[in-house]
Amino acid sequence: RRWRGRRTGGETETSVAVTMFVIHSEEDMRKMSRDWRAGKSKVGFVPTMGSLHEGHLELVRVAKKEVDKVVVSIYVNPSQFAPGEDFGQYPRALE
C-alpha cells in the first residue's frame, strides 16, 4: 500500500512516498527481513502494543535516520497484563 506522509523535523515540509506492508505472520516477516538484509538494507524495529501515538511516530523518525527499513509491530502481548487487568479491552488501533 502506498501513502503520502509528511517529513517534519526542522527541514522544509515536503511530501515523501512511503511503502507500507501489513504482515500477519512471523514467517512472512522473517522472509521480508531476510530479503531486505540480503539486499544490504539495514532493518530497524519499533515494537508497540498498539494504540499508536506521537511517541511511536517519533521512534520511527529516529529509526529512519539510522536504517534503511523500519518495521513497526503492533502486538498486544497478553503476558504484559496481570490477572484481572483488561487485556481484551486494550486498544489495538492500526491507524
N, C-alpha and C. Protein backbone atom coordinates (compact mmCIF):
# COMPACT_ATOMS: atom_id res chain seq x y z
N ARG A 1 0.86 -1.18 0.00
CA ARG A 1 0.00 0.00 0.00
C ARG A 1 0.89 1.23 0.00
N ARG A 2 0.60 2.19 -0.83
CA ARG A 2 1.38 3.43 -0.89
C ARG A 2 0.56 4.53 -0.23
N TRP A 3 1.24 5.36 0.51
CA TRP A 3 0.55 6.52 1.10
C TRP A 3 1.51 7.67 1.15
N ARG A 4 0.97 8.85 1.28
CA ARG A 4 1.79 10.06 1.30
C ARG A 4 1.96 10.51 2.73
N GLY A 5 3.18 10.68 3.16
CA GLY A 5 3.45 11.16 4.50
C GLY A 5 4.05 12.55 4.44
N ARG A 6 4.24 13.15 5.56
CA ARG A 6 4.88 14.47 5.62
C ARG A 6 6.16 14.34 6.41
N ARG A 7 7.24 14.84 5.84
CA ARG A 7 8.51 14.87 6.54
C ARG A 7 8.55 16.11 7.40
N THR A 8 8.91 15.94 8.67
CA THR A 8 8.99 17.09 9.57
C THR A 8 10.31 17.03 10.32
N GLY A 9 10.59 18.02 11.11
CA GLY A 9 11.80 18.00 11.92
C GLY A 9 12.76 19.12 11.59
N GLY A 10 12.25 20.28 11.29
CA GLY A 10 13.12 21.41 11.05
C GLY A 10 13.34 21.71 9.58
N GLU A 11 13.34 20.65 8.73
CA GLU A 11 13.53 20.92 7.32
C GLU A 11 12.23 21.42 6.71
N THR A 12 12.30 21.89 5.49
CA THR A 12 11.09 22.33 4.80
C THR A 12 10.15 21.14 4.67
N GLU A 13 8.88 21.37 4.98
CA GLU A 13 7.91 20.28 4.91
C GLU A 13 7.74 19.87 3.45
N THR A 14 7.96 18.60 3.18
CA THR A 14 7.78 18.05 1.83
C THR A 14 6.99 16.77 1.93
N SER A 15 6.42 16.38 0.84
CA SER A 15 5.68 15.12 0.78
C SER A 15 6.66 14.03 0.36
N VAL A 16 6.62 12.89 1.04
CA VAL A 16 7.50 11.77 0.71
C VAL A 16 6.65 10.52 0.49
N ALA A 17 7.06 9.70 -0.47
CA ALA A 17 6.36 8.44 -0.72
C ALA A 17 6.86 7.39 0.27
N VAL A 18 5.94 6.67 0.84
CA VAL A 18 6.26 5.63 1.82
C VAL A 18 5.54 4.37 1.39
N THR A 19 6.22 3.23 1.46
CA THR A 19 5.58 1.95 1.20
C THR A 19 5.31 1.28 2.53
N MET A 20 4.07 0.86 2.72
CA MET A 20 3.69 0.21 3.96
C MET A 20 3.15 -1.18 3.65
N PHE A 21 3.61 -2.16 4.39
CA PHE A 21 3.12 -3.52 4.27
C PHE A 21 2.48 -3.90 5.60
N VAL A 22 1.37 -4.59 5.54
CA VAL A 22 0.76 -5.15 6.73
C VAL A 22 1.03 -6.64 6.68
N ILE A 23 1.77 -7.13 7.65
CA ILE A 23 2.20 -8.52 7.69
C ILE A 23 1.54 -9.19 8.89
N HIS A 24 0.96 -10.34 8.66
CA HIS A 24 0.21 -11.01 9.73
C HIS A 24 0.87 -12.27 10.26
N SER A 25 1.99 -12.70 9.66
CA SER A 25 2.61 -13.93 10.14
C SER A 25 4.11 -13.73 10.39
N GLU A 26 4.60 -14.45 11.37
CA GLU A 26 6.03 -14.41 11.68
C GLU A 26 6.85 -14.88 10.48
N GLU A 27 6.37 -15.91 9.80
CA GLU A 27 7.08 -16.44 8.64
C GLU A 27 7.24 -15.38 7.55
N ASP A 28 6.17 -14.64 7.25
CA ASP A 28 6.25 -13.60 6.23
C ASP A 28 7.21 -12.48 6.64
N MET A 29 7.20 -12.13 7.92
CA MET A 29 8.10 -11.08 8.40
C MET A 29 9.55 -11.53 8.30
N ARG A 30 9.82 -12.77 8.68
CA ARG A 30 11.19 -13.29 8.56
C ARG A 30 11.67 -13.27 7.12
N LYS A 31 10.80 -13.67 6.18
CA LYS A 31 11.20 -13.68 4.77
C LYS A 31 11.49 -12.27 4.27
N MET A 32 10.61 -11.34 4.59
CA MET A 32 10.81 -9.96 4.13
C MET A 32 12.12 -9.40 4.72
N SER A 33 12.35 -9.64 6.00
CA SER A 33 13.56 -9.16 6.64
C SER A 33 14.81 -9.78 6.01
N ARG A 34 14.77 -11.08 5.75
CA ARG A 34 15.91 -11.74 5.08
C ARG A 34 16.17 -11.13 3.71
N ASP A 35 15.09 -10.90 2.96
CA ASP A 35 15.24 -10.31 1.62
C ASP A 35 15.86 -8.92 1.70
N TRP A 36 15.39 -8.10 2.63
CA TRP A 36 15.95 -6.76 2.79
C TRP A 36 17.43 -6.83 3.15
N ARG A 37 17.76 -7.68 4.13
CA ARG A 37 19.15 -7.78 4.56
C ARG A 37 20.05 -8.36 3.48
N ALA A 38 19.51 -9.27 2.67
CA ALA A 38 20.28 -9.82 1.54
C ALA A 38 20.61 -8.72 0.53
N GLY A 39 19.72 -7.74 0.44
CA GLY A 39 19.95 -6.58 -0.44
C GLY A 39 20.76 -5.50 0.24
N LYS A 40 21.34 -5.82 1.39
CA LYS A 40 22.21 -4.92 2.17
C LYS A 40 21.48 -3.77 2.85
N SER A 41 20.17 -3.90 3.01
CA SER A 41 19.41 -2.89 3.76
C SER A 41 19.57 -3.15 5.26
N LYS A 42 19.72 -2.07 6.01
CA LYS A 42 19.69 -2.17 7.47
C LYS A 42 18.24 -2.07 7.91
N VAL A 43 17.84 -2.95 8.83
CA VAL A 43 16.45 -3.02 9.27
C VAL A 43 16.36 -2.63 10.74
N GLY A 44 15.47 -1.68 11.05
CA GLY A 44 15.22 -1.27 12.43
C GLY A 44 13.86 -1.77 12.88
N PHE A 45 13.64 -1.79 14.18
CA PHE A 45 12.41 -2.34 14.74
C PHE A 45 11.88 -1.44 15.84
N VAL A 46 10.60 -1.07 15.74
CA VAL A 46 9.92 -0.28 16.77
C VAL A 46 8.76 -1.12 17.29
N PRO A 47 8.92 -1.74 18.47
CA PRO A 47 7.83 -2.56 19.00
C PRO A 47 6.78 -1.69 19.69
N THR A 48 5.51 -2.00 19.45
CA THR A 48 4.43 -1.30 20.14
C THR A 48 3.40 -2.33 20.59
N MET A 49 2.51 -1.89 21.46
CA MET A 49 1.37 -2.72 21.85
C MET A 49 0.09 -2.12 21.29
N GLY A 50 0.19 -1.49 20.12
CA GLY A 50 -0.98 -0.86 19.53
C GLY A 50 -1.20 0.50 20.14
N SER A 51 -2.40 1.01 19.99
CA SER A 51 -2.73 2.33 20.50
C SER A 51 -1.65 3.34 20.11
N LEU A 52 -1.36 3.40 18.82
CA LEU A 52 -0.26 4.23 18.32
C LEU A 52 -0.46 5.70 18.65
N HIS A 53 0.65 6.36 18.96
CA HIS A 53 0.61 7.77 19.33
C HIS A 53 1.87 8.46 18.82
N GLU A 54 1.97 9.74 19.04
CA GLU A 54 3.08 10.55 18.53
C GLU A 54 4.44 10.03 19.00
N GLY A 55 4.52 9.48 20.20
CA GLY A 55 5.78 8.92 20.69
C GLY A 55 6.28 7.78 19.81
N HIS A 56 5.37 6.93 19.36
CA HIS A 56 5.75 5.85 18.45
C HIS A 56 6.26 6.44 17.13
N LEU A 57 5.57 7.45 16.63
CA LEU A 57 5.98 8.06 15.37
C LEU A 57 7.36 8.70 15.48
N GLU A 58 7.66 9.27 16.62
CA GLU A 58 9.00 9.85 16.82
C GLU A 58 10.07 8.75 16.81
N LEU A 59 9.76 7.60 17.40
CA LEU A 59 10.70 6.47 17.34
C LEU A 59 10.95 6.03 15.90
N VAL A 60 9.90 6.04 15.08
CA VAL A 60 10.06 5.70 13.66
C VAL A 60 10.93 6.74 12.97
N ARG A 61 10.70 8.01 13.25
CA ARG A 61 11.52 9.09 12.64
C ARG A 61 13.00 8.91 12.99
N VAL A 62 13.27 8.63 14.24
CA VAL A 62 14.66 8.45 14.68
C VAL A 62 15.26 7.22 13.97
N ALA A 63 14.50 6.13 13.92
CA ALA A 63 15.00 4.92 13.27
C ALA A 63 15.30 5.16 11.80
N LYS A 64 14.44 5.93 11.12
CA LYS A 64 14.65 6.18 9.69
C LYS A 64 15.97 6.91 9.42
N LYS A 65 16.48 7.63 10.41
CA LYS A 65 17.76 8.30 10.24
C LYS A 65 18.92 7.32 10.36
N GLU A 66 18.68 6.16 10.97
CA GLU A 66 19.74 5.19 11.26
C GLU A 66 19.73 3.98 10.33
N VAL A 67 18.55 3.63 9.77
CA VAL A 67 18.43 2.39 9.00
C VAL A 67 17.69 2.66 7.69
N ASP A 68 17.67 1.65 6.83
CA ASP A 68 17.01 1.77 5.53
C ASP A 68 15.52 1.40 5.59
N LYS A 69 15.19 0.43 6.41
CA LYS A 69 13.81 -0.06 6.54
C LYS A 69 13.43 -0.04 8.02
N VAL A 70 12.22 0.38 8.32
CA VAL A 70 11.74 0.39 9.71
C VAL A 70 10.50 -0.50 9.80
N VAL A 71 10.55 -1.45 10.72
CA VAL A 71 9.43 -2.34 10.99
C VAL A 71 8.79 -1.88 12.29
N VAL A 72 7.46 -1.73 12.28
CA VAL A 72 6.71 -1.38 13.49
C VAL A 72 5.77 -2.53 13.79
N SER A 73 5.92 -3.11 14.98
CA SER A 73 5.00 -4.19 15.36
C SER A 73 3.82 -3.59 16.11
N ILE A 74 2.68 -4.21 15.92
CA ILE A 74 1.50 -3.87 16.71
C ILE A 74 1.04 -5.20 17.29
N TYR A 75 1.55 -5.49 18.47
CA TYR A 75 1.27 -6.76 19.13
C TYR A 75 0.92 -6.50 20.59
N VAL A 76 -0.30 -6.82 20.94
CA VAL A 76 -0.72 -6.69 22.33
C VAL A 76 -0.36 -8.00 23.02
N ASN A 77 0.67 -7.94 23.85
CA ASN A 77 1.24 -9.13 24.48
C ASN A 77 0.48 -9.47 25.76
N PRO A 78 -0.23 -10.59 25.77
CA PRO A 78 -1.01 -10.94 26.96
C PRO A 78 -0.15 -11.13 28.21
N SER A 79 1.13 -11.46 28.04
CA SER A 79 1.98 -11.69 29.22
C SER A 79 2.31 -10.39 29.95
N GLN A 80 2.00 -9.25 29.34
CA GLN A 80 2.26 -7.97 29.99
C GLN A 80 1.08 -7.47 30.81
N PHE A 81 0.06 -8.29 30.93
CA PHE A 81 -1.12 -7.94 31.71
C PHE A 81 -1.20 -8.85 32.93
N ALA A 82 -1.43 -8.26 34.09
CA ALA A 82 -1.60 -9.04 35.31
C ALA A 82 -3.01 -9.63 35.34
N PRO A 83 -3.21 -10.67 36.13
CA PRO A 83 -4.57 -11.21 36.28
C PRO A 83 -5.53 -10.09 36.73
N GLY A 84 -6.68 -10.07 36.12
CA GLY A 84 -7.67 -9.06 36.47
C GLY A 84 -7.56 -7.79 35.63
N GLU A 85 -6.43 -7.58 34.94
CA GLU A 85 -6.33 -6.43 34.04
C GLU A 85 -7.10 -6.74 32.77
N ASP A 86 -7.57 -5.72 32.10
CA ASP A 86 -8.49 -5.92 31.00
C ASP A 86 -7.77 -6.06 29.66
N PHE A 87 -7.11 -7.19 29.46
CA PHE A 87 -6.39 -7.47 28.22
C PHE A 87 -7.32 -7.34 27.00
N GLY A 88 -8.54 -7.85 27.11
CA GLY A 88 -9.48 -7.84 25.99
C GLY A 88 -9.92 -6.45 25.56
N GLN A 89 -9.84 -5.47 26.44
CA GLN A 89 -10.29 -4.12 26.12
C GLN A 89 -9.15 -3.18 25.74
N TYR A 90 -7.90 -3.67 25.76
CA TYR A 90 -6.76 -2.82 25.42
C TYR A 90 -6.89 -2.37 23.96
N PRO A 91 -6.70 -1.06 23.66
CA PRO A 91 -6.87 -0.58 22.27
C PRO A 91 -5.84 -1.19 21.33
N ARG A 92 -6.27 -1.47 20.12
CA ARG A 92 -5.40 -2.05 19.11
C ARG A 92 -5.53 -1.30 17.78
N ALA A 93 -5.42 0.01 17.83
CA ALA A 93 -5.60 0.85 16.63
C ALA A 93 -4.49 0.60 15.62
N LEU A 94 -4.86 0.43 14.37
CA LEU A 94 -3.88 0.27 13.29
C LEU A 94 -3.60 1.57 12.56
N GLU A 95 -4.37 2.61 12.82
CA GLU A 95 -4.16 3.88 12.13
C GLU A 95 -3.03 4.63 12.79
